[in-house]
Protein backbone atom coordinates (compact mmCIF):
# COMPACT_ATOMS: atom_id res chain seq x y z
CA MET A 1 -23.22 5.46 7.86
CA THR A 2 -25.45 6.13 4.86
CA PRO A 3 -23.95 8.54 2.31
CA ASP A 4 -25.84 11.46 0.81
CA THR A 5 -28.59 9.75 -1.18
CA ASP A 6 -28.93 12.57 -3.70
CA ALA A 7 -25.34 12.66 -4.93
CA ARG A 8 -24.49 9.04 -3.98
CA LYS A 9 -20.97 10.13 -3.18
CA ILE A 10 -18.88 8.90 -0.29
CA ARG A 11 -17.53 11.80 1.74
CA TYR A 12 -13.88 11.30 2.74
CA ALA A 13 -11.79 12.91 5.43
CA VAL A 14 -8.01 12.68 5.05
CA ILE A 15 -6.10 12.09 8.27
CA GLY A 16 -2.48 13.07 7.72
CA GLY A 17 -1.36 15.75 5.29
CA GLY A 18 2.01 14.26 4.35
CA GLN A 19 3.55 13.59 0.96
CA ILE A 20 1.36 10.69 -0.13
CA SER A 21 -1.83 12.61 0.69
CA GLN A 22 -0.73 15.78 -1.07
CA GLN A 23 1.04 14.18 -4.01
CA ALA A 24 -1.43 11.44 -4.88
CA PHE A 25 -4.58 10.87 -2.83
CA MET A 26 -6.06 14.35 -2.71
CA PRO A 27 -5.39 15.08 -6.42
CA GLY A 28 -6.59 11.57 -7.36
CA MET A 29 -9.99 12.29 -5.82
CA ALA A 30 -10.75 14.35 -8.96
CA ARG A 31 -11.20 11.10 -10.91
CA ALA A 32 -13.50 9.46 -8.35
CA LYS A 33 -17.00 10.40 -9.45
CA ASN A 34 -18.58 8.42 -6.61
CA SER A 35 -16.53 10.21 -3.95
CA VAL A 36 -15.79 13.66 -2.63
CA LEU A 37 -13.09 15.16 -0.42
CA ALA A 38 -14.89 16.51 2.65
CA ALA A 39 -12.31 17.28 5.37
CA LEU A 40 -8.64 17.27 6.35
CA VAL A 41 -7.09 16.46 9.71
CA THR A 42 -3.54 17.71 10.25
CA GLY A 43 -1.37 19.02 13.04
CA ASP A 44 0.27 21.64 10.79
CA PRO A 45 -1.59 24.99 10.78
CA GLU A 46 -0.03 26.04 7.46
CA LYS A 47 -1.10 22.82 5.78
CA ALA A 48 -4.56 23.24 7.27
CA ARG A 49 -4.92 26.77 5.96
CA ARG A 50 -3.54 26.29 2.47
CA LEU A 51 -4.93 22.83 1.69
CA ALA A 52 -8.35 23.82 3.00
CA ALA A 53 -8.32 26.75 0.60
CA ARG A 54 -6.98 24.68 -2.31
CA TYR A 55 -9.66 21.99 -2.00
CA ASP A 56 -12.43 24.11 -0.47
CA ILE A 57 -12.80 21.83 2.54
CA PRO A 58 -12.73 22.33 6.30
CA ALA A 59 -9.54 21.40 8.13
CA CYS A 60 -9.14 20.56 11.80
CA HIS A 61 -6.46 19.52 14.27
CA TYR A 62 -6.01 15.97 15.56
CA ASP A 63 -7.41 17.15 18.90
CA ASP A 64 -10.71 17.82 17.14
CA LEU A 65 -10.91 14.41 15.44
CA PRO A 66 -13.49 12.97 17.89
CA THR A 67 -15.84 15.82 17.04
CA LEU A 68 -15.37 15.23 13.31
CA LEU A 69 -16.06 11.51 13.70
CA ARG A 70 -19.36 12.28 15.43
CA SER A 71 -20.35 15.13 13.13
CA GLY A 72 -22.21 13.19 10.44
CA HIS A 73 -20.29 15.19 7.81
CA ILE A 74 -18.10 12.31 6.63
CA ASP A 75 -18.68 8.68 5.63
CA ALA A 76 -15.13 7.41 5.27
CA VAL A 77 -11.54 8.21 6.19
CA TYR A 78 -8.26 7.89 4.31
CA LEU A 79 -5.60 7.38 6.98
CA ALA A 80 -2.01 8.23 5.98
CA THR A 81 -0.21 9.08 9.20
CA PRO A 82 3.22 7.61 10.00
CA ASN A 83 2.94 3.83 10.31
CA ALA A 84 3.39 3.76 14.08
CA LEU A 85 0.25 5.90 14.51
CA HIS A 86 -2.10 3.75 12.42
CA ARG A 87 -3.67 1.91 15.34
CA GLN A 88 -4.08 5.12 17.36
CA TYR A 89 -6.30 6.70 14.70
CA ALA A 90 -7.77 3.66 12.92
CA VAL A 91 -9.47 2.28 16.04
CA PRO A 92 -11.61 5.36 16.84
CA VAL A 93 -12.53 5.80 13.17
CA LEU A 94 -13.79 2.23 12.95
CA GLU A 95 -15.43 2.28 16.38
CA ALA A 96 -17.41 5.31 15.17
CA GLY A 97 -18.90 3.11 12.44
CA LEU A 98 -17.10 4.91 9.64
CA HIS A 99 -15.38 3.23 6.68
CA LEU A 100 -11.58 3.27 6.55
CA LEU A 101 -9.09 3.23 3.68
CA LEU A 102 -5.84 2.61 5.56
CA GLU A 103 -2.40 3.09 4.04
CA LYS A 104 0.00 0.16 4.05
CA PRO A 105 1.57 -1.34 5.97
CA MET A 106 -1.59 -1.80 8.02
CA ALA A 107 0.24 -1.32 11.34
CA THR A 108 3.56 -1.98 13.05
CA SER A 109 2.67 -5.24 14.80
CA VAL A 110 0.32 -8.16 14.47
CA ALA A 111 -1.30 -7.13 17.76
CA ASP A 112 -2.07 -3.67 16.36
CA CYS A 113 -3.58 -5.23 13.22
CA GLU A 114 -5.78 -7.44 15.38
CA ALA A 115 -6.89 -4.43 17.43
CA ILE A 116 -7.88 -2.63 14.22
CA LEU A 117 -9.83 -5.68 13.01
CA ASP A 118 -11.60 -5.92 16.37
CA ALA A 119 -12.58 -2.23 16.11
CA GLN A 120 -14.01 -2.86 12.65
CA LYS A 121 -16.16 -5.70 14.00
CA ARG A 122 -17.48 -3.49 16.79
CA GLY A 123 -18.24 -0.52 14.53
CA GLY A 124 -19.48 -2.33 11.43
CA GLY A 125 -17.78 -0.13 8.82
CA LYS A 126 -15.72 -1.42 5.92
CA LEU A 127 -11.93 -1.60 6.05
CA MET A 128 -9.67 -1.62 3.01
CA ILE A 129 -5.87 -1.53 3.06
CA ALA A 130 -4.62 0.80 0.34
CA TYR A 131 -3.06 -1.77 -1.99
CA ARG A 132 -3.65 0.44 -5.03
CA LEU A 133 -2.06 -2.14 -7.34
CA HIS A 134 -4.99 -4.47 -6.65
CA CYS A 135 -6.96 -2.14 -8.95
CA GLU A 136 -4.18 -1.67 -11.53
CA PRO A 137 -4.66 -3.53 -14.85
CA GLY A 138 -1.18 -4.98 -15.39
CA THR A 139 -0.88 -6.25 -11.83
CA VAL A 140 -4.29 -7.93 -11.76
CA GLU A 141 -3.68 -9.37 -15.22
CA LEU A 142 -0.48 -11.05 -14.04
CA ILE A 143 -2.15 -12.41 -10.90
CA SER A 144 -4.91 -13.90 -13.04
CA ARG A 145 -2.41 -15.42 -15.48
CA CYS A 146 -0.49 -17.04 -12.64
CA ARG A 147 -3.68 -18.49 -11.18
CA ASN A 148 -4.66 -19.75 -14.64
CA GLY A 149 -1.36 -21.62 -14.98
CA ASP A 150 0.10 -19.66 -17.91
CA PHE A 151 3.63 -20.08 -16.53
CA GLY A 152 3.15 -23.58 -15.15
CA HIS A 153 4.17 -24.52 -11.63
CA LEU A 154 5.64 -21.34 -10.13
CA MET A 155 9.06 -21.90 -8.62
CA ALA A 156 10.90 -18.65 -7.91
CA PHE A 157 10.44 -14.89 -7.54
CA SER A 158 13.14 -12.22 -7.29
CA SER A 159 12.77 -8.45 -6.93
CA MET A 160 14.77 -5.28 -6.31
CA PHE A 161 13.10 -2.08 -5.15
CA GLY A 162 15.13 0.88 -3.95
CA GLN A 163 15.66 4.61 -3.93
CA ASN A 164 18.07 7.22 -2.62
CA PHE A 165 16.00 8.27 0.39
CA ALA A 166 16.36 11.71 1.97
CA GLU A 167 17.70 11.30 5.48
CA ALA A 168 16.08 14.59 6.53
CA ASN A 169 12.63 13.09 5.97
CA HIS A 170 11.11 11.90 9.26
CA ARG A 171 11.03 8.32 7.97
CA GLY A 172 14.83 8.36 7.76
CA HIS A 173 15.22 8.27 11.54
CA SER A 174 12.09 6.56 12.85
CA GLY A 175 13.32 2.98 13.19
CA TYR A 176 12.61 -0.28 11.39
CA TRP A 177 8.89 0.32 10.82
CA SER A 178 9.61 3.46 8.79
CA GLY A 179 12.54 1.87 6.98
CA PRO A 180 12.87 0.10 3.64
CA VAL A 181 11.34 -3.26 4.59
CA PRO A 182 7.88 -1.98 5.59
CA GLY A 183 8.15 1.09 3.31
CA MET A 184 9.24 -0.67 0.11
CA GLY A 185 9.34 -4.39 0.90
CA THR A 186 5.56 -4.47 1.30
CA TYR A 187 5.33 -4.22 -2.50
CA PRO A 188 7.36 -7.31 -3.52
CA LEU A 189 6.01 -9.19 -0.49
CA ASN A 190 2.40 -8.51 -1.44
CA ALA A 191 3.17 -9.23 -5.09
CA VAL A 192 4.70 -12.65 -4.51
CA ARG A 193 2.03 -13.72 -2.02
CA ASN A 194 -0.62 -12.96 -4.63
CA LEU A 195 1.29 -14.34 -7.62
CA PHE A 196 2.10 -17.59 -5.81
CA ALA A 197 -1.33 -17.73 -4.13
CA ARG A 198 0.57 -19.01 -1.10
CA GLU A 199 1.76 -17.73 2.27
CA PRO A 200 5.43 -18.00 3.27
CA VAL A 201 6.40 -20.52 5.95
CA GLU A 202 9.93 -19.28 6.74
CA VAL A 203 11.77 -15.95 6.61
CA HIS A 204 15.51 -15.23 6.35
CA ALA A 205 16.91 -11.68 6.36
CA VAL A 206 20.26 -9.92 6.23
CA GLY A 207 20.69 -6.16 6.62
CA ALA A 208 23.46 -3.63 6.03
CA LYS A 209 24.13 0.01 6.86
CA THR A 210 25.75 1.98 4.07
CA PRO A 211 28.92 3.84 5.15
CA GLY A 212 28.31 7.56 5.34
CA ARG A 213 24.54 7.29 5.71
CA ARG A 214 22.88 8.16 9.02
CA PHE A 215 19.69 6.11 9.04
CA ASN A 216 18.88 4.50 12.40
CA PHE A 217 18.04 1.15 10.76
CA ASP A 218 19.51 -1.17 8.14
CA ASP A 219 19.11 0.86 4.97
CA THR A 220 19.58 -2.14 2.66
CA VAL A 221 17.93 -5.47 3.44
CA SER A 222 17.88 -8.82 1.65
CA VAL A 223 14.91 -11.07 2.43
CA THR A 224 14.40 -14.70 1.41
CA LEU A 225 11.01 -16.35 1.82
CA ARG A 226 10.39 -20.07 1.73
CA PHE A 227 6.96 -21.31 0.65
CA ALA A 228 5.43 -24.77 0.58
CA GLU A 229 5.85 -26.94 -2.52
CA GLY A 230 9.45 -25.82 -2.99
CA ARG A 231 8.72 -22.21 -3.91
CA ILE A 232 11.39 -19.62 -3.06
CA ALA A 233 11.20 -15.82 -3.18
CA HIS A 234 13.84 -13.16 -2.67
CA PHE A 235 13.66 -9.39 -2.56
CA LEU A 236 16.19 -6.68 -1.82
CA VAL A 237 15.06 -3.23 -0.71
CA SER A 238 17.18 -0.15 -0.09
CA TYR A 239 16.97 3.48 0.97
CA ALA A 240 20.56 4.10 -0.17
CA CYS A 241 20.71 3.20 -3.86
CA ALA A 242 19.86 4.59 -7.27
CA PRO A 243 16.17 4.12 -8.15
CA VAL A 244 15.42 0.50 -9.09
CA GLU A 245 12.11 -1.33 -9.50
CA ASN A 246 11.67 -4.78 -11.00
CA PHE A 247 10.71 -8.38 -10.40
CA SER A 248 11.23 -11.72 -12.12
CA LEU A 249 8.99 -14.75 -11.84
CA VAL A 250 9.86 -18.26 -13.05
CA GLY A 251 7.67 -21.30 -13.55
CA ASP A 252 8.31 -24.65 -15.18
CA ARG A 253 6.55 -23.51 -18.37
CA GLY A 254 7.46 -19.83 -18.65
CA SER A 255 8.88 -16.74 -17.00
CA VAL A 256 8.07 -13.06 -16.44
CA THR A 257 10.18 -9.94 -16.01
CA ALA A 258 8.35 -6.80 -14.89
CA GLY A 259 9.25 -3.14 -14.54
CA PRO A 260 7.86 -0.63 -13.80
CA CYS A 261 5.86 -2.78 -11.42
CA TYR A 262 5.32 -0.95 -8.10
CA MET A 263 5.31 2.83 -8.55
CA PHE A 264 2.67 5.31 -9.64
CA GLY A 265 2.46 8.56 -11.57
CA PRO A 266 1.08 10.08 -14.76
CA ASN A 267 3.91 8.53 -16.80
CA VAL A 268 4.17 5.15 -15.05
CA GLY A 269 2.48 2.13 -16.62
CA VAL A 270 3.09 -1.43 -15.48
CA THR A 271 5.07 -3.32 -18.13
CA TYR A 272 6.05 -6.97 -18.23
CA THR A 273 7.64 -9.40 -20.68
CA THR A 274 6.77 -13.09 -20.78
CA SER A 275 8.74 -15.97 -22.21
CA ILE A 276 6.58 -19.06 -22.72
CA ASN A 277 7.86 -22.07 -24.63
CA GLY A 278 10.59 -19.87 -26.11
CA ARG A 279 8.26 -17.13 -27.34
CA LYS A 280 8.74 -13.65 -25.89
CA GLN A 281 5.96 -11.08 -25.66
CA THR A 282 5.92 -7.64 -24.02
CA HIS A 283 2.76 -6.23 -22.43
CA ARG A 284 2.72 -2.48 -21.84
CA HIS A 285 -0.14 -1.01 -19.88
CA ASP A 286 -0.97 2.66 -20.11
CA PRO A 287 -0.56 4.76 -16.97
CA VAL A 288 -3.73 4.93 -14.90
CA GLU A 289 -4.83 7.01 -11.95
CA GLN A 290 -3.99 4.48 -9.26
CA PHE A 291 -5.18 6.47 -6.26
CA GLY A 292 -8.38 7.60 -7.90
CA GLY A 293 -8.93 3.99 -8.94
CA GLU A 294 -8.68 2.60 -5.43
CA ILE A 295 -10.99 5.35 -4.18
CA VAL A 296 -13.62 4.47 -6.81
CA TYR A 297 -13.34 0.77 -5.96
CA PHE A 298 -13.63 1.29 -2.19
CA SER A 299 -16.53 3.73 -2.53
CA ASP A 300 -18.30 1.30 -4.84
CA CYS A 301 -17.90 -1.42 -2.19
CA ILE A 302 -19.43 0.93 0.39
CA LEU A 303 -22.31 2.01 -1.86
CA HIS A 304 -23.19 -1.57 -2.83
CA ASP A 305 -22.36 -3.21 0.51
CA ARG A 306 -19.55 -5.41 -0.76
CA ASP A 307 -16.46 -6.36 1.20
CA PRO A 308 -13.30 -4.95 -0.45
CA GLU A 309 -10.76 -7.56 -1.51
CA PRO A 310 -7.59 -6.04 -0.02
CA ASP A 311 -9.16 -6.03 3.44
CA GLY A 312 -7.74 -6.03 6.95
CA GLU A 313 -6.92 -9.72 6.74
CA GLU A 314 -4.74 -8.99 3.69
CA GLY A 315 -2.96 -6.27 5.64
CA LEU A 316 -2.37 -8.54 8.62
CA ARG A 317 -0.88 -11.26 6.40
CA ASP A 318 1.81 -8.84 5.19
CA VAL A 319 2.50 -7.41 8.64
CA ARG A 320 3.10 -10.83 10.19
CA VAL A 321 5.85 -11.37 7.57
CA LEU A 322 7.30 -7.88 8.08
CA ALA A 323 7.43 -8.58 11.83
CA ALA A 324 9.22 -11.87 11.13
CA VAL A 325 11.79 -10.01 9.01
CA GLU A 326 12.41 -7.68 11.95
CA ARG A 327 12.97 -10.67 14.26
CA ALA A 328 15.29 -12.29 11.72
CA LEU A 329 17.38 -9.12 11.52
CA GLN A 330 17.53 -8.86 15.31
CA THR A 331 18.44 -12.50 15.98
CA GLY A 332 20.32 -13.49 12.84
CA GLN A 333 18.14 -16.61 12.75
CA PRO A 334 15.46 -17.82 10.31
CA GLN A 335 11.92 -17.30 11.52
CA LYS A 336 9.17 -19.89 11.11
CA LEU A 337 5.64 -18.80 10.21
CA ASP A 338 2.46 -20.73 10.91
CA PRO A 339 0.80 -22.15 7.77
CA MET A 340 -2.17 -20.16 6.46
CA PRO A 341 -4.66 -20.86 3.66
CA PRO A 342 -4.37 -18.71 0.51
CA ALA A 343 -5.77 -15.19 0.65
CA ARG A 344 -8.58 -13.84 -1.49
CA MET A 345 -7.69 -13.02 -5.08
CA ALA A 346 -7.66 -9.62 -6.77
CA LEU A 347 -10.22 -10.05 -9.55
CA PRO A 348 -10.47 -8.40 -12.99
CA ASP A 349 -13.65 -6.53 -12.01
CA GLN A 350 -11.54 -4.54 -9.51
CA VAL A 351 -9.47 -3.00 -12.30
CA MET A 352 -9.86 0.76 -12.79
CA THR A 353 -8.50 2.48 -15.91
CA LEU A 354 -9.00 6.13 -15.04
CA PRO A 355 -6.78 8.71 -16.78
CA PRO A 356 -3.99 9.90 -14.46
CA VAL A 357 -4.09 13.34 -12.90
CA PRO A 358 -1.04 15.64 -12.92
CA GLU A 359 1.05 15.44 -9.76
CA PRO A 360 1.86 18.59 -7.83
CA THR A 361 5.47 19.68 -7.94
CA GLU A 362 7.66 19.64 -4.85
CA GLY A 363 7.20 23.41 -4.65
CA GLU A 364 3.42 23.03 -4.65
CA MET A 365 3.40 20.60 -1.72
CA ILE A 366 3.23 22.21 1.71
CA GLY A 367 5.52 21.45 4.64
CA ILE A 368 7.05 18.40 2.94
CA ILE A 369 10.62 17.09 2.93
CA PRO A 370 10.48 14.91 -0.20
CA GLN A 371 11.36 11.26 0.36
CA SER A 372 13.74 11.00 -2.59
CA ALA A 373 17.09 12.70 -2.14
């Protein structure tokens, strides 16, 4: 669909008025000069009424989504429903020929990812998975340095990412695909795949349920990934621990420790320390508007007919590993993965350094049970 030629702004509808939409995406739109918030789709009448008034946009129910998709009033969709509903809503959006910015993980099975990719081919719109860190300066800088060989032959990666998750939030009782591996493990998984420029060939996983917690999945999971050429990666994710966020990367010439490295916010800037040939150096990046940045990048791809780098193929590559982790937890056995060539690389021209917007407080968000306890 061709956007308004006068303003040259991509008109977005948001499908799903949950925490990530209210806390980050909708406020972040203020920094995206090539984009505009044009509609909201939600099943909550109170969210519809109050968010429509706050952003001066129309709001409709999910039942009215087919009409919105045919209306000609939107060019693109940001889809942030629960993970299990991604395929249900992504397919009609893409079949309508609209562009789709789809929250990660892309879906809850490889088959669902493939169905979404097939819908994109039929409709012709662009599909980007919302890997906001692929537009963040510190992350892209580290990916480039790894590809340039700054740390030599990369050998090992280790990460911890956890929080004390509120069990009352719907994601606390919606099974594996709303648990810590897809919810938090996607970050270290995507990081190591891009830093190594390799795809894992084997997955091991061990899970635990913390006494006294009532999640209906393993709330703490340890994952080990084996790559070709002797590379090993490990990450531990948890919904039952104090906040933690870091990774370490080791090569035969140097090493990296990073943190913060995955989160967002007006006071969060990616920071990492390198040690190369015995010399330590710390790199601190200023906080940037990560959601506004990914919106600007995706809209620019639409306006100039370029394929976004974190595309549906990138999403599928992560989901096939997440599905293998699920099988490893169920069977207690390592899971083999078919070899794949390296993915596309996040490039420096994707980096966006927009000033961050203030986040709404918990009291300003509507109908939300915050994820952090």
